Protein backbone atom coordinates (compact mmCIF):
# COMPACT_ATOMS: atom_id res chain seq x y z
CA MET A 1 -5.41 -40.46 -45.26
CA ARG A 2 -4.42 -36.96 -44.63
CA ALA A 3 -7.58 -35.75 -46.24
CA ILE A 4 -9.73 -37.82 -44.00
CA ARG A 5 -7.82 -36.62 -40.87
CA LYS A 6 -8.21 -33.06 -42.09
CA ARG A 7 -11.92 -33.59 -42.55
CA ALA A 8 -12.36 -35.21 -39.26
CA LEU A 9 -10.49 -32.36 -37.31
CA MET A 10 -12.69 -29.80 -39.15
CA GLY A 11 -15.80 -31.60 -37.94
CA LEU A 12 -14.46 -31.59 -34.47
CA MET A 13 -13.70 -27.89 -34.66
CA GLN A 14 -17.12 -27.39 -35.94
CA LYS A 15 -18.85 -28.97 -33.09
CA LEU A 16 -16.52 -27.32 -30.65
CA GLY A 17 -17.18 -23.84 -32.12
CA GLU A 18 -20.92 -24.46 -31.92
CA LYS A 19 -20.64 -25.38 -28.20
CA ILE A 20 -18.68 -22.37 -27.50
CA ALA A 21 -21.02 -20.19 -29.54
CA SER A 22 -23.89 -21.48 -27.61
CA TYR A 23 -22.19 -20.66 -24.25
CA LEU A 24 -21.12 -17.21 -25.27
CA ALA A 25 -24.64 -16.34 -26.68
CA GLN A 26 -26.18 -16.85 -23.15
CA GLU A 27 -27.32 -13.72 -21.43
CA ARG A 28 -25.36 -12.51 -18.47
CA PRO A 29 -27.42 -11.94 -15.21
CA GLY A 30 -28.22 -8.31 -14.78
CA GLY A 31 -26.55 -7.26 -17.96
CA HIS A 32 -29.58 -6.18 -19.81
CA HIS A 33 -30.08 -2.51 -20.52
CA ALA A 34 -33.53 -1.01 -20.94
CA ALA A 35 -34.86 0.15 -24.35
CA THR A 36 -34.53 3.80 -24.94
CA CYS A 37 -37.61 4.21 -27.27
CA GLU A 38 -40.96 2.88 -27.91
CA PRO A 39 -41.25 -0.34 -30.14
CA ARG A 40 -43.84 1.46 -32.29
CA LEU A 41 -41.56 4.43 -32.85
CA LEU A 42 -38.44 2.08 -33.61
CA GLU A 43 -40.61 0.22 -36.17
CA GLN A 44 -41.99 3.34 -37.91
CA THR A 45 -38.55 5.19 -38.14
CA LEU A 46 -36.47 2.48 -39.71
CA ARG A 47 -35.80 2.75 -43.41
CA PRO A 48 -34.11 0.38 -45.93
CA GLY A 49 -30.44 0.63 -45.52
CA ASP A 50 -30.57 1.67 -41.99
CA VAL A 51 -28.00 0.03 -39.51
CA LEU A 52 -29.42 -0.96 -36.17
CA LEU A 53 -26.89 -1.01 -33.52
CA VAL A 54 -27.61 -3.07 -30.36
CA GLU A 55 -26.12 -3.11 -26.88
CA GLY A 56 -26.37 -6.66 -26.08
CA SER A 57 -26.04 -8.56 -22.61
CA SER A 58 -24.50 -11.87 -23.56
CA ARG A 59 -21.12 -13.07 -22.80
CA PHE A 60 -20.19 -12.61 -26.46
CA SER A 61 -21.46 -8.95 -26.26
CA SER A 62 -19.33 -8.30 -23.28
CA ALA A 63 -16.06 -9.33 -25.17
CA ILE A 64 -17.12 -7.18 -28.16
CA LYS A 65 -17.80 -4.13 -26.00
CA TYR A 66 -14.61 -4.61 -24.00
CA ILE A 67 -12.54 -4.81 -27.11
CA THR A 68 -13.93 -1.92 -28.88
CA GLN A 69 -14.65 0.33 -25.72
CA SER A 70 -17.94 0.95 -27.00
CA THR A 71 -21.76 0.47 -25.87
CA TRP A 72 -22.46 -1.47 -29.16
CA SER A 73 -21.91 -5.12 -29.34
CA HIS A 74 -24.07 -6.14 -32.25
CA SER A 75 -25.21 -4.69 -35.61
CA ALA A 76 -28.17 -5.68 -38.03
CA ILE A 77 -29.27 -3.88 -41.35
CA TYR A 78 -32.77 -2.97 -42.04
CA VAL A 79 -33.98 -4.10 -45.54
CA GLY A 80 -37.83 -3.74 -45.28
CA ASP A 81 -40.46 -6.03 -46.42
CA CYS A 82 -38.69 -8.30 -48.92
CA GLY A 83 -40.90 -11.32 -48.37
CA LEU A 84 -38.43 -12.98 -45.99
CA GLU A 85 -39.77 -15.62 -43.57
CA ALA A 86 -39.79 -15.26 -39.81
CA ASP A 87 -41.31 -17.29 -36.96
CA GLY A 88 -45.06 -16.54 -36.44
CA GLU A 89 -46.81 -13.85 -38.30
CA GLU A 90 -44.34 -10.97 -38.06
CA LYS A 91 -42.40 -9.87 -41.18
CA ALA A 92 -38.54 -10.46 -41.29
CA THR A 93 -37.15 -6.93 -42.02
CA LEU A 94 -33.64 -6.96 -40.53
CA ILE A 95 -30.71 -9.20 -41.74
CA GLU A 96 -27.80 -10.10 -39.14
CA ALA A 97 -25.08 -12.60 -38.70
CA ASP A 98 -26.06 -14.49 -35.39
CA VAL A 99 -23.33 -16.20 -33.57
CA VAL A 100 -25.39 -19.46 -33.41
CA GLU A 101 -27.71 -19.43 -36.29
CA GLY A 102 -25.39 -17.52 -38.91
CA VAL A 103 -26.82 -15.03 -41.26
CA ARG A 104 -30.57 -14.77 -40.89
CA ALA A 105 -33.48 -12.68 -41.37
CA VAL A 106 -35.41 -11.61 -38.18
CA PRO A 107 -38.22 -9.20 -37.26
CA VAL A 108 -37.56 -5.62 -35.48
CA SER A 109 -39.38 -7.12 -32.49
CA ASN A 110 -36.18 -9.12 -31.52
CA TYR A 111 -34.80 -5.99 -30.23
CA TYR A 112 -37.83 -3.99 -28.79
CA ASN A 113 -36.36 -4.52 -25.37
CA PHE A 114 -32.89 -3.71 -26.17
CA HIS A 115 -30.89 -0.30 -26.10
CA THR A 116 -30.68 0.50 -29.84
CA ARG A 117 -29.28 3.12 -32.22
CA ILE A 118 -30.22 3.89 -35.84
CA CYS A 119 -27.41 4.89 -38.20
CA ARG A 120 -28.71 5.96 -41.60
CA PRO A 121 -26.62 6.26 -44.75
CA VAL A 122 -27.06 9.57 -46.60
CA GLY A 123 -27.44 10.20 -50.27
CA ILE A 124 -27.57 6.44 -51.34
CA LEU A 125 -29.44 5.93 -54.53
CA PRO A 126 -32.55 3.77 -54.91
CA ASP A 127 -30.82 1.23 -57.26
CA GLU A 128 -27.82 1.15 -54.84
CA LEU A 129 -30.17 0.23 -51.95
CA GLU A 130 -31.65 -2.58 -54.17
CA ASP A 131 -28.17 -3.96 -54.86
CA LEU A 132 -27.38 -3.60 -51.12
CA LYS A 133 -30.45 -5.65 -50.17
CA LYS A 134 -29.78 -8.28 -52.96
CA PHE A 135 -26.21 -8.72 -51.66
CA LEU A 136 -27.54 -9.30 -48.06
CA ILE A 137 -30.42 -11.69 -49.08
CA ASP A 138 -28.00 -13.70 -51.24
CA ARG A 139 -25.89 -14.38 -48.15
CA LEU A 140 -28.81 -15.72 -46.02
CA GLY A 141 -27.77 -18.99 -44.57
CA TYR A 142 -24.09 -18.36 -44.30
CA GLN A 143 -22.44 -19.48 -41.20
CA TYR A 144 -20.91 -17.18 -38.58
CA ASP A 145 -17.08 -17.36 -38.72
CA LEU A 146 -15.82 -19.88 -36.35
CA LYS A 147 -12.50 -18.28 -36.14
CA ASN A 148 -14.05 -15.19 -34.80
CA ILE A 149 -15.79 -17.34 -32.06
CA PHE A 150 -12.53 -19.14 -31.14
CA ASP A 151 -10.65 -15.77 -30.79
CA LEU A 152 -13.34 -14.03 -28.85
CA ALA A 153 -13.71 -16.99 -26.51
CA ARG A 154 -9.99 -16.89 -25.84
CA PHE A 155 -10.22 -13.19 -25.15
CA PHE A 156 -13.26 -13.43 -22.94
CA LEU A 157 -11.69 -16.25 -20.86
CA HIS A 158 -8.39 -14.47 -20.48
CA PRO A 159 -8.10 -10.82 -21.76
CA PRO A 160 -4.64 -10.10 -23.04
CA PRO A 161 -2.90 -7.10 -21.56
CA VAL A 162 -3.26 -4.98 -24.81
CA PRO A 163 -3.28 -1.10 -24.52
CA ASN A 164 -6.48 0.58 -25.59
CA LYS A 165 -4.95 2.06 -28.80
CA TRP A 166 -4.05 -1.45 -30.05
CA ARG A 167 -7.34 -3.13 -29.07
CA ARG A 168 -8.97 -2.45 -32.56
CA GLN A 169 -6.24 -4.70 -34.09
CA LEU A 170 -7.68 -7.60 -32.22
CA LEU A 171 -10.81 -7.15 -34.53
CA ALA A 172 -8.93 -8.37 -37.59
CA LEU A 173 -10.70 -11.58 -37.11
CA GLY A 174 -12.14 -14.26 -39.21
CA SER A 175 -10.95 -17.10 -41.49
CA GLY A 176 -11.50 -15.14 -44.77
CA ASP A 177 -14.04 -17.88 -45.91
CA PRO A 178 -16.53 -16.12 -48.08
CA THR A 179 -19.40 -18.33 -46.87
CA ARG A 180 -18.74 -17.27 -43.24
CA ALA A 181 -19.39 -13.78 -41.79
CA ILE A 182 -19.56 -11.81 -38.61
CA CYS A 183 -22.21 -9.16 -37.93
CA SER A 184 -20.28 -5.86 -38.62
CA SER A 185 -18.24 -7.31 -41.50
CA LEU A 186 -21.36 -8.59 -43.34
CA ILE A 187 -22.76 -5.11 -43.24
CA ALA A 188 -19.45 -3.48 -44.08
CA LEU A 189 -19.15 -5.76 -47.21
CA ALA A 190 -22.70 -4.85 -48.25
CA PHE A 191 -22.03 -1.14 -48.25
CA GLN A 192 -18.60 -1.57 -49.81
CA SER A 193 -20.35 -3.54 -52.79
CA VAL A 194 -22.18 -0.21 -53.61
CA LYS A 195 -19.09 1.92 -52.90
CA TYR A 196 -20.69 3.58 -49.82
CA PRO A 197 -17.95 4.83 -47.37
CA ILE A 198 -18.00 3.74 -43.68
CA LEU A 199 -14.60 4.87 -42.31
CA PRO A 200 -12.20 4.78 -45.28
CA GLU A 201 -8.64 5.68 -45.06
CA ARG A 202 -8.02 9.03 -46.55
CA PHE A 203 -5.05 10.20 -48.30
CA GLU A 204 -4.12 13.88 -49.72
CA ASP A 205 -1.69 14.57 -52.53
CA ASP A 206 -0.87 17.55 -54.71
CA PHE A 207 -3.17 17.94 -57.83
CA ASP A 208 -1.45 17.16 -61.05
CA GLU A 209 -2.93 19.10 -64.00
CA GLU A 210 -1.69 16.37 -66.34
CA ASP A 211 -3.43 13.39 -64.48
CA ARG A 212 -7.13 14.16 -63.57
CA VAL A 213 -7.82 10.68 -62.51
CA GLY A 214 -6.37 8.96 -59.42
CA GLU A 215 -6.36 5.29 -58.82
CA VAL A 216 -6.25 3.81 -55.29
CA ALA A 217 -6.77 0.08 -54.89
CA GLY A 218 -8.09 -0.20 -58.36
CA GLU A 219 -10.72 2.49 -57.94
CA LYS A 220 -10.66 5.50 -60.11
CA LEU A 221 -11.68 8.71 -58.73
CA ASP A 222 -12.57 12.09 -60.73
CA GLN A 223 -10.40 14.95 -59.58
CA PRO A 224 -11.50 18.56 -58.87
CA GLU A 225 -10.78 21.25 -61.29
CA GLY A 226 -8.03 23.84 -60.31
CA SER A 227 -4.31 23.14 -60.31
CA GLU A 228 -3.49 24.56 -56.95
CA GLU A 229 -5.86 22.27 -54.99
CA ASN A 230 -4.91 19.09 -53.28
CA ARG A 231 -6.82 16.00 -54.34
CA GLU A 232 -8.30 13.42 -51.80
CA PHE A 233 -8.30 9.72 -52.05
CA TYR A 234 -10.27 7.37 -50.17
CA HIS A 235 -9.18 3.71 -49.65
CA ILE A 236 -11.47 0.87 -48.37
CA ARG A 237 -10.43 -0.67 -45.26
CA HIS A 238 -10.66 -4.53 -45.09
CA HIS A 239 -14.04 -5.62 -43.85
CA SER A 240 -12.69 -7.59 -40.95
CA LEU A 241 -11.49 -4.44 -39.31
CA PHE A 242 -15.01 -2.92 -38.69
CA ALA A 243 -17.10 -3.12 -35.42
CA PRO A 244 -20.59 -2.10 -34.65
CA ARG A 245 -19.25 1.10 -33.28
CA ASP A 246 -17.83 2.26 -36.60
CA PHE A 247 -21.34 2.92 -37.97
CA ASP A 248 -21.91 5.21 -35.05
CA VAL A 249 -18.79 7.27 -35.32
CA SER A 250 -18.76 7.35 -39.07
CA PRO A 251 -19.10 10.77 -40.56
CA PHE A 252 -21.10 9.27 -43.49
CA PHE A 253 -23.97 7.94 -41.35
CA ARG A 254 -26.62 10.24 -39.74
CA VAL A 255 -27.56 9.08 -36.12
CA VAL A 256 -31.52 8.92 -36.08
CA LYS A 257 -33.25 8.95 -32.61
CA PRO A 258 -36.83 7.82 -33.03
CA THR A 259 -38.33 9.75 -30.10
CA ILE A 260 -37.35 13.16 -31.71
CA TYR A 261 -37.34 11.96 -35.29
CA GLY A 262 -41.10 13.08 -35.84
CA ASP A 263 -43.00 16.02 -34.29
CA PHE A 264 -41.48 15.91 -30.90
CA ASP A 265 -42.83 18.51 -28.30
CA PRO A 266 -41.18 18.51 -24.80
CA HIS A 267 -44.08 20.58 -23.50
CA GLU A 268 -46.51 17.54 -24.05
CA LEU A 269 -44.63 15.31 -21.67
CA ALA A 270 -46.64 14.54 -18.41
CA TRP A 271 -44.50 14.95 -15.34
CA ALA A 272 -45.27 13.25 -12.09
CA THR A 273 -46.36 15.50 -9.12
CA ASP A 274 -44.92 15.14 -5.75
CA GLU A 275 -47.80 13.29 -4.42
CA GLN A 276 -47.61 10.93 -7.19
CA LEU A 277 -44.20 10.19 -6.54
CA ARG A 278 -44.74 9.58 -2.68
CA LYS A 279 -47.55 7.14 -3.67
CA MET A 280 -45.27 5.39 -6.00
CA GLU A 281 -42.62 5.10 -3.13
CA LEU A 282 -45.10 3.64 -0.75
CA ARG A 283 -45.83 0.78 -3.26
CA PHE A 284 -42.26 -0.21 -3.20
């Protein structure tokens, strides 16, 4: 009897979560920000492994931006042409965790009209990229974590009086169910699976000549030569603590701006003359 009640309650919470998710996913009037680069340039600049940060304009996005005190409310990762299906004739080259549809593959055109930023991992090997893509593709179809939806809905409806320095702790969200994900935790887990750092905790300790191998959280790290040097440990943070902004501030990701990524020449820009500006003013 107790098991039946529990299943009924879980079903009710699932339906309620879906309703709340649909509400939070709605765009806010006047909240949309113009794209800062041409769609063609965005598509041409992206490389497998790139994290695409997005400034969203939904109610859900507003809560994320307020909590993290950041421009970025969503993140997706570019995997390239892996034969993933998308609506229409476009290729699905991005993988993301959507609040309504869960983990899905979408074309880059979904974000042509959004303010975006590319964050690129540096030094990652080709076989690690393949493992990264496989990790993400294997999770297609996972559902968005409902606990995150309920927590953000509560925060959005009545923001708690939490000082800025403690707001990041509010992002330790999620149920811990391995078949559920949120956008930034999905990408963080993918990079952690190939031991690529985002914002790891760093420890320093005196070097011990007798012990050239340190171990932190089960990970062995080779130590540098020399008895007088300090050794540095890196410890992986829990994936639920990551937000989209962390890929932007991470010292291990390069910010790539499509407009100046190629052969940009400021002298080739065509500037409007005063007469042209006056004609434009008359139109409006």
